[in-house]
Amino acid sequence: AGTFNNNVLSMNAGIAALTEAFTSDVSSELHQRGEVLRDRLNSLFVESGVGLCASGMGSLLNLHPVEGPVEAPASLDAADDRVRELLFLELLDRGFYVARRGFIALSVAVTDSDLDAFVSALKDTISVCKTVLPSRVDA
């Protein structure tokens, strides 16, 4: 049993998406866009002196309320869920939805302009909330 089991239309749509719309080039561009965004976010956190980090691979990212790097579950022992909630609400107020746990999944529809606006919104969030965000140890 399942919603789309043995549904020929859904299977053909999936094949078309994977062979015609989501090509190898599109996949590579999306992966690279995520890698660049993660680097931009981590640079922003260092420059701002806040103990936040972004982890992930390709188009999948996660914001963490720790300085990082996040290499194992124990890396998140000091994470404060209130910081995650604050980032979620502040970014939502600025028009950007990230999962409450900090998860971000880019899609092919996301443009470089969209990412510039997101980084700007996060920079504004850090500016407004800096007094309650964790500080970097090396700051």
N, C-alpha and C. Protein backbone atom coordinates (compact mmCIF):
# COMPACT_ATOMS: atom_id res chain seq x y z
N ALA A 1 0.84 -1.19 0.00
CA ALA A 1 0.00 0.00 0.00
C ALA A 1 0.88 1.24 0.00
N GLY A 2 0.43 2.28 -0.65
CA GLY A 2 1.16 3.55 -0.70
C GLY A 2 0.49 4.51 -1.64
N THR A 3 0.69 5.77 -1.42
CA THR A 3 0.02 6.80 -2.20
C THR A 3 0.30 6.70 -3.69
N PHE A 4 1.57 6.51 -4.07
CA PHE A 4 1.92 6.52 -5.49
C PHE A 4 2.39 5.15 -5.99
N ASN A 5 2.15 4.09 -5.25
CA ASN A 5 2.56 2.76 -5.69
C ASN A 5 1.84 2.39 -6.99
N ASN A 6 2.61 1.88 -7.92
CA ASN A 6 2.09 1.40 -9.20
C ASN A 6 1.32 2.49 -9.97
N ASN A 7 1.71 3.74 -9.75
CA ASN A 7 1.07 4.85 -10.44
C ASN A 7 1.95 5.21 -11.63
N VAL A 8 1.53 4.81 -12.82
CA VAL A 8 2.33 4.98 -14.02
C VAL A 8 2.61 6.47 -14.30
N LEU A 9 1.65 7.33 -14.07
CA LEU A 9 1.85 8.76 -14.30
C LEU A 9 2.95 9.30 -13.39
N SER A 10 2.91 8.96 -12.12
CA SER A 10 3.94 9.42 -11.18
C SER A 10 5.31 8.88 -11.55
N MET A 11 5.39 7.63 -11.94
CA MET A 11 6.67 7.04 -12.31
C MET A 11 7.24 7.72 -13.55
N ASN A 12 6.40 8.01 -14.54
CA ASN A 12 6.88 8.70 -15.74
C ASN A 12 7.29 10.13 -15.44
N ALA A 13 6.56 10.79 -14.56
CA ALA A 13 6.94 12.15 -14.17
C ALA A 13 8.30 12.13 -13.48
N GLY A 14 8.54 11.15 -12.62
CA GLY A 14 9.84 11.01 -11.95
C GLY A 14 10.97 10.77 -12.93
N ILE A 15 10.73 9.92 -13.90
CA ILE A 15 11.75 9.65 -14.92
C ILE A 15 12.05 10.91 -15.72
N ALA A 16 11.01 11.64 -16.11
CA ALA A 16 11.20 12.88 -16.87
C ALA A 16 11.98 13.90 -16.04
N ALA A 17 11.63 14.02 -14.76
CA ALA A 17 12.32 14.98 -13.90
C ALA A 17 13.80 14.65 -13.79
N LEU A 18 14.11 13.38 -13.63
CA LEU A 18 15.50 12.97 -13.43
C LEU A 18 16.32 12.92 -14.71
N THR A 19 15.67 12.81 -15.86
CA THR A 19 16.42 12.73 -17.12
C THR A 19 16.39 14.01 -17.94
N GLU A 20 15.34 14.82 -17.77
CA GLU A 20 15.20 16.02 -18.59
C GLU A 20 15.33 17.32 -17.80
N ALA A 21 14.79 17.37 -16.61
CA ALA A 21 14.81 18.61 -15.83
C ALA A 21 16.01 18.66 -14.87
N PHE A 22 16.24 17.61 -14.11
CA PHE A 22 17.32 17.59 -13.14
C PHE A 22 18.51 16.84 -13.73
N THR A 23 19.15 17.51 -14.67
CA THR A 23 20.28 16.92 -15.39
C THR A 23 21.53 16.92 -14.51
N SER A 24 22.56 16.30 -14.99
CA SER A 24 23.84 16.28 -14.28
C SER A 24 24.38 17.69 -14.08
N ASP A 25 24.25 18.54 -15.13
CA ASP A 25 24.71 19.93 -15.01
C ASP A 25 23.91 20.69 -13.96
N VAL A 26 22.60 20.51 -13.93
CA VAL A 26 21.75 21.18 -12.94
C VAL A 26 22.12 20.70 -11.54
N SER A 27 22.35 19.40 -11.40
CA SER A 27 22.74 18.84 -10.12
C SER A 27 24.07 19.43 -9.64
N SER A 28 25.03 19.53 -10.52
CA SER A 28 26.34 20.09 -10.18
C SER A 28 26.23 21.56 -9.78
N GLU A 29 25.43 22.31 -10.50
CA GLU A 29 25.23 23.73 -10.17
C GLU A 29 24.57 23.89 -8.81
N LEU A 30 23.58 23.06 -8.52
CA LEU A 30 22.89 23.13 -7.23
C LEU A 30 23.85 22.76 -6.10
N HIS A 31 24.64 21.72 -6.30
CA HIS A 31 25.63 21.31 -5.31
C HIS A 31 26.61 22.46 -5.03
N GLN A 32 27.12 23.06 -6.08
CA GLN A 32 28.10 24.15 -5.93
C GLN A 32 27.47 25.36 -5.25
N ARG A 33 26.23 25.67 -5.57
CA ARG A 33 25.54 26.80 -4.95
C ARG A 33 25.46 26.59 -3.43
N GLY A 34 25.17 25.37 -3.00
CA GLY A 34 25.12 25.07 -1.57
C GLY A 34 26.48 25.18 -0.90
N GLU A 35 27.51 24.69 -1.59
CA GLU A 35 28.87 24.78 -1.03
C GLU A 35 29.28 26.25 -0.84
N VAL A 36 28.98 27.09 -1.82
CA VAL A 36 29.31 28.51 -1.73
C VAL A 36 28.52 29.17 -0.60
N LEU A 37 27.24 28.84 -0.49
CA LEU A 37 26.42 29.43 0.57
C LEU A 37 26.98 29.04 1.94
N ARG A 38 27.32 27.78 2.14
CA ARG A 38 27.85 27.33 3.43
C ARG A 38 29.13 28.10 3.77
N ASP A 39 30.01 28.28 2.80
CA ASP A 39 31.23 29.05 3.03
C ASP A 39 30.91 30.50 3.40
N ARG A 40 29.95 31.08 2.70
CA ARG A 40 29.56 32.48 2.99
C ARG A 40 29.01 32.61 4.40
N LEU A 41 28.18 31.65 4.80
CA LEU A 41 27.59 31.70 6.14
C LEU A 41 28.66 31.55 7.21
N ASN A 42 29.56 30.60 7.04
CA ASN A 42 30.61 30.41 8.04
C ASN A 42 31.54 31.61 8.11
N SER A 43 31.82 32.25 6.99
CA SER A 43 32.62 33.48 7.00
C SER A 43 31.88 34.59 7.74
N LEU A 44 30.58 34.70 7.50
CA LEU A 44 29.76 35.70 8.19
C LEU A 44 29.80 35.48 9.70
N PHE A 45 29.69 34.23 10.13
CA PHE A 45 29.70 33.94 11.57
C PHE A 45 31.04 34.31 12.19
N VAL A 46 32.13 34.01 11.51
CA VAL A 46 33.47 34.34 12.02
C VAL A 46 33.63 35.86 12.09
N GLU A 47 33.28 36.55 10.99
CA GLU A 47 33.41 38.01 10.94
C GLU A 47 32.55 38.70 11.99
N SER A 48 31.40 38.11 12.29
CA SER A 48 30.47 38.70 13.26
C SER A 48 30.83 38.34 14.70
N GLY A 49 31.74 37.38 14.87
CA GLY A 49 32.15 36.98 16.20
C GLY A 49 31.12 36.17 16.96
N VAL A 50 30.22 35.51 16.23
CA VAL A 50 29.19 34.70 16.89
C VAL A 50 29.53 33.22 16.80
N GLY A 51 29.15 32.48 17.82
CA GLY A 51 29.41 31.05 17.89
C GLY A 51 28.35 30.25 17.17
N LEU A 52 28.27 30.44 15.87
CA LEU A 52 27.35 29.69 15.02
C LEU A 52 28.18 29.03 13.92
N CYS A 53 27.63 27.98 13.33
CA CYS A 53 28.31 27.38 12.18
C CYS A 53 27.27 26.74 11.27
N ALA A 54 27.66 26.57 10.03
CA ALA A 54 26.83 25.88 9.05
C ALA A 54 27.57 24.62 8.63
N SER A 55 26.84 23.51 8.59
CA SER A 55 27.43 22.25 8.15
C SER A 55 26.58 21.70 7.01
N GLY A 56 27.01 20.58 6.45
CA GLY A 56 26.23 19.94 5.41
C GLY A 56 27.06 19.57 4.22
N MET A 57 26.35 19.29 3.14
CA MET A 57 27.00 18.92 1.89
C MET A 57 26.10 19.32 0.74
N GLY A 58 26.69 19.96 -0.25
CA GLY A 58 25.91 20.36 -1.41
C GLY A 58 24.76 21.25 -1.03
N SER A 59 23.57 20.90 -1.51
CA SER A 59 22.40 21.75 -1.32
C SER A 59 21.72 21.55 0.03
N LEU A 60 22.28 20.71 0.88
CA LEU A 60 21.71 20.48 2.21
C LEU A 60 22.61 21.10 3.27
N LEU A 61 22.03 22.00 4.06
CA LEU A 61 22.79 22.71 5.08
C LEU A 61 22.06 22.63 6.41
N ASN A 62 22.81 22.88 7.48
CA ASN A 62 22.20 22.99 8.79
C ASN A 62 22.92 24.07 9.57
N LEU A 63 22.15 24.96 10.18
CA LEU A 63 22.71 25.99 11.05
C LEU A 63 22.76 25.45 12.47
N HIS A 64 23.90 25.62 13.12
CA HIS A 64 24.08 25.11 14.48
C HIS A 64 24.45 26.25 15.43
N PRO A 65 23.88 26.25 16.64
CA PRO A 65 24.22 27.27 17.62
C PRO A 65 25.47 26.89 18.42
N VAL A 66 26.50 26.49 17.71
CA VAL A 66 27.81 26.21 18.29
C VAL A 66 28.86 26.74 17.32
N GLU A 67 30.04 27.02 17.86
CA GLU A 67 31.10 27.57 17.02
C GLU A 67 31.55 26.60 15.93
N GLY A 68 31.51 25.33 16.22
CA GLY A 68 31.88 24.34 15.22
C GLY A 68 33.37 24.07 15.24
N PRO A 69 33.85 23.20 14.39
CA PRO A 69 33.05 22.46 13.43
C PRO A 69 32.24 21.34 14.10
N VAL A 70 31.18 20.92 13.43
CA VAL A 70 30.35 19.82 13.92
C VAL A 70 30.85 18.56 13.22
N GLU A 71 31.52 17.71 13.99
CA GLU A 71 32.10 16.50 13.42
C GLU A 71 31.49 15.22 13.98
N ALA A 72 30.76 15.34 15.08
CA ALA A 72 30.14 14.19 15.73
C ALA A 72 28.98 14.71 16.58
N PRO A 73 28.08 13.85 16.98
CA PRO A 73 26.96 14.30 17.83
C PRO A 73 27.43 15.05 19.08
N ALA A 74 28.55 14.64 19.64
CA ALA A 74 29.07 15.31 20.83
C ALA A 74 29.45 16.77 20.56
N SER A 75 29.68 17.12 19.29
CA SER A 75 30.00 18.51 18.94
C SER A 75 28.84 19.45 19.26
N LEU A 76 27.64 18.89 19.41
CA LEU A 76 26.44 19.69 19.66
C LEU A 76 26.01 19.68 21.12
N ASP A 77 26.85 19.13 22.00
CA ASP A 77 26.48 19.06 23.42
C ASP A 77 26.16 20.43 24.01
N ALA A 78 26.86 21.45 23.57
CA ALA A 78 26.65 22.79 24.12
C ALA A 78 25.60 23.60 23.36
N ALA A 79 24.97 23.00 22.36
CA ALA A 79 23.98 23.72 21.54
C ALA A 79 22.78 24.13 22.39
N ASP A 80 22.33 25.35 22.17
CA ASP A 80 21.18 25.89 22.90
C ASP A 80 20.00 25.98 21.93
N ASP A 81 18.97 25.17 22.18
CA ASP A 81 17.81 25.15 21.29
C ASP A 81 17.09 26.50 21.25
N ARG A 82 17.26 27.32 22.27
CA ARG A 82 16.65 28.65 22.25
C ARG A 82 17.26 29.51 21.15
N VAL A 83 18.53 29.31 20.85
CA VAL A 83 19.18 30.05 19.76
C VAL A 83 18.62 29.59 18.43
N ARG A 84 18.42 28.29 18.28
CA ARG A 84 17.79 27.78 17.04
C ARG A 84 16.42 28.43 16.84
N GLU A 85 15.64 28.47 17.92
CA GLU A 85 14.30 29.05 17.85
C GLU A 85 14.36 30.53 17.49
N LEU A 86 15.31 31.25 18.09
CA LEU A 86 15.47 32.67 17.79
C LEU A 86 15.82 32.89 16.32
N LEU A 87 16.77 32.12 15.82
CA LEU A 87 17.13 32.25 14.40
C LEU A 87 15.94 31.93 13.51
N PHE A 88 15.22 30.87 13.84
CA PHE A 88 14.04 30.50 13.06
C PHE A 88 13.04 31.66 13.00
N LEU A 89 12.71 32.22 14.15
CA LEU A 89 11.70 33.29 14.19
C LEU A 89 12.18 34.57 13.53
N GLU A 90 13.43 34.94 13.77
CA GLU A 90 13.96 36.17 13.17
C GLU A 90 14.05 36.06 11.65
N LEU A 91 14.47 34.90 11.15
CA LEU A 91 14.54 34.72 9.70
C LEU A 91 13.14 34.65 9.09
N LEU A 92 12.22 34.02 9.79
CA LEU A 92 10.83 33.96 9.32
C LEU A 92 10.25 35.37 9.22
N ASP A 93 10.55 36.19 10.20
CA ASP A 93 10.09 37.58 10.19
C ASP A 93 10.66 38.36 9.00
N ARG A 94 11.80 37.92 8.51
CA ARG A 94 12.45 38.57 7.37
C ARG A 94 12.12 37.88 6.04
N GLY A 95 11.18 36.93 6.08
CA GLY A 95 10.70 36.30 4.86
C GLY A 95 11.41 35.03 4.45
N PHE A 96 12.19 34.43 5.36
CA PHE A 96 12.92 33.21 5.02
C PHE A 96 12.55 32.10 5.98
N TYR A 97 12.13 30.97 5.42
CA TYR A 97 11.78 29.82 6.24
C TYR A 97 12.92 28.82 6.23
N VAL A 98 13.42 28.54 7.40
CA VAL A 98 14.33 27.41 7.61
C VAL A 98 13.66 26.54 8.67
N ALA A 99 13.93 25.28 8.67
CA ALA A 99 13.33 24.41 9.68
C ALA A 99 13.78 24.88 11.07
N ARG A 100 12.94 24.70 12.04
CA ARG A 100 13.26 25.13 13.41
C ARG A 100 14.58 24.54 13.89
N ARG A 101 14.93 23.37 13.42
CA ARG A 101 16.18 22.74 13.84
C ARG A 101 17.39 23.29 13.07
N GLY A 102 17.15 24.24 12.16
CA GLY A 102 18.23 24.87 11.41
C GLY A 102 18.48 24.28 10.04
N PHE A 103 17.66 23.32 9.63
CA PHE A 103 17.86 22.64 8.35
C PHE A 103 17.43 23.51 7.18
N ILE A 104 18.25 23.51 6.14
CA ILE A 104 17.98 24.26 4.91
C ILE A 104 18.23 23.32 3.73
N ALA A 105 17.28 23.23 2.81
CA ALA A 105 17.44 22.43 1.59
C ALA A 105 17.19 23.36 0.41
N LEU A 106 18.24 23.58 -0.38
CA LEU A 106 18.10 24.44 -1.56
C LEU A 106 17.43 23.65 -2.68
N SER A 107 16.68 24.36 -3.50
CA SER A 107 16.08 23.75 -4.68
C SER A 107 16.64 24.44 -5.92
N VAL A 108 16.39 23.86 -7.08
CA VAL A 108 16.90 24.46 -8.32
C VAL A 108 16.26 25.81 -8.61
N ALA A 109 15.13 26.10 -7.99
CA ALA A 109 14.47 27.39 -8.21
C ALA A 109 15.14 28.53 -7.45
N VAL A 110 15.99 28.22 -6.47
CA VAL A 110 16.66 29.25 -5.67
C VAL A 110 17.78 29.87 -6.51
N THR A 111 17.76 31.20 -6.58
CA THR A 111 18.75 31.93 -7.38
C THR A 111 19.86 32.50 -6.50
N ASP A 112 20.92 32.96 -7.13
CA ASP A 112 21.99 33.63 -6.39
C ASP A 112 21.46 34.88 -5.70
N SER A 113 20.52 35.56 -6.34
CA SER A 113 19.91 36.74 -5.74
C SER A 113 19.14 36.37 -4.47
N ASP A 114 18.44 35.23 -4.51
CA ASP A 114 17.74 34.74 -3.32
C ASP A 114 18.73 34.48 -2.19
N LEU A 115 19.85 33.88 -2.52
CA LEU A 115 20.85 33.56 -1.51
C LEU A 115 21.50 34.82 -0.96
N ASP A 116 21.72 35.82 -1.81
CA ASP A 116 22.23 37.11 -1.33
C ASP A 116 21.26 37.72 -0.32
N ALA A 117 19.99 37.66 -0.63
CA ALA A 117 18.97 38.21 0.28
C ALA A 117 18.94 37.41 1.59
N PHE A 118 19.10 36.09 1.51
CA PHE A 118 19.13 35.27 2.72
C PHE A 118 20.33 35.63 3.60
N VAL A 119 21.50 35.74 3.01
CA VAL A 119 22.70 36.10 3.77
C VAL A 119 22.52 37.48 4.40
N SER A 120 21.92 38.40 3.67
CA SER A 120 21.65 39.73 4.21
C SER A 120 20.69 39.65 5.40
N ALA A 121 19.64 38.84 5.29
CA ALA A 121 18.69 38.68 6.39
C ALA A 121 19.36 38.06 7.61
N LEU A 122 20.24 37.11 7.38
CA LEU A 122 20.95 36.48 8.50
C LEU A 122 21.92 37.47 9.14
N LYS A 123 22.56 38.27 8.31
CA LYS A 123 23.46 39.31 8.84
C LYS A 123 22.68 40.30 9.70
N ASP A 124 21.51 40.69 9.25
CA ASP A 124 20.65 41.59 10.02
C ASP A 124 20.21 40.93 11.32
N THR A 125 19.85 39.66 11.25
CA THR A 125 19.45 38.90 12.44
C THR A 125 20.58 38.88 13.46
N ILE A 126 21.79 38.62 13.00
CA ILE A 126 22.95 38.59 13.90
C ILE A 126 23.14 39.96 14.54
N SER A 127 23.02 41.01 13.75
CA SER A 127 23.19 42.36 14.27
C SER A 127 22.18 42.68 15.36
N VAL A 128 20.94 42.31 15.14
CA VAL A 128 19.87 42.60 16.09
C VAL A 128 19.97 41.72 17.34
N CYS A 129 20.41 40.49 17.17
CA CYS A 129 20.38 39.51 18.27
C CYS A 129 21.75 39.21 18.86
N LYS A 130 22.78 39.93 18.47
CA LYS A 130 24.15 39.58 18.84
C LYS A 130 24.34 39.41 20.35
N THR A 131 23.65 40.20 21.14
CA THR A 131 23.86 40.13 22.59
C THR A 131 23.38 38.82 23.20
N VAL A 132 22.51 38.10 22.52
CA VAL A 132 22.02 36.84 23.06
C VAL A 132 22.53 35.62 22.30
N LEU A 133 23.30 35.84 21.25
CA LEU A 133 23.88 34.73 20.50
C LEU A 133 25.18 34.31 21.17
N PRO A 134 25.54 33.04 21.03
CA PRO A 134 26.82 32.61 21.63
C PRO A 134 27.99 33.32 20.92
N SER A 135 28.99 33.65 21.70
CA SER A 135 30.18 34.32 21.14
C SER A 135 31.21 33.28 20.75
N ARG A 136 32.04 33.65 19.79
CA ARG A 136 33.14 32.79 19.40
C ARG A 136 34.21 32.82 20.48
N VAL A 137 34.84 31.70 20.71
CA VAL A 137 35.90 31.61 21.70
C VAL A 137 37.10 32.44 21.26
N ASP A 138 37.37 32.45 19.96
CA ASP A 138 38.54 33.17 19.43
C ASP A 138 38.27 34.63 19.15
N ALA A 139 37.04 35.10 19.45
CA ALA A 139 36.69 36.51 19.15
C ALA A 139 37.20 37.46 20.22
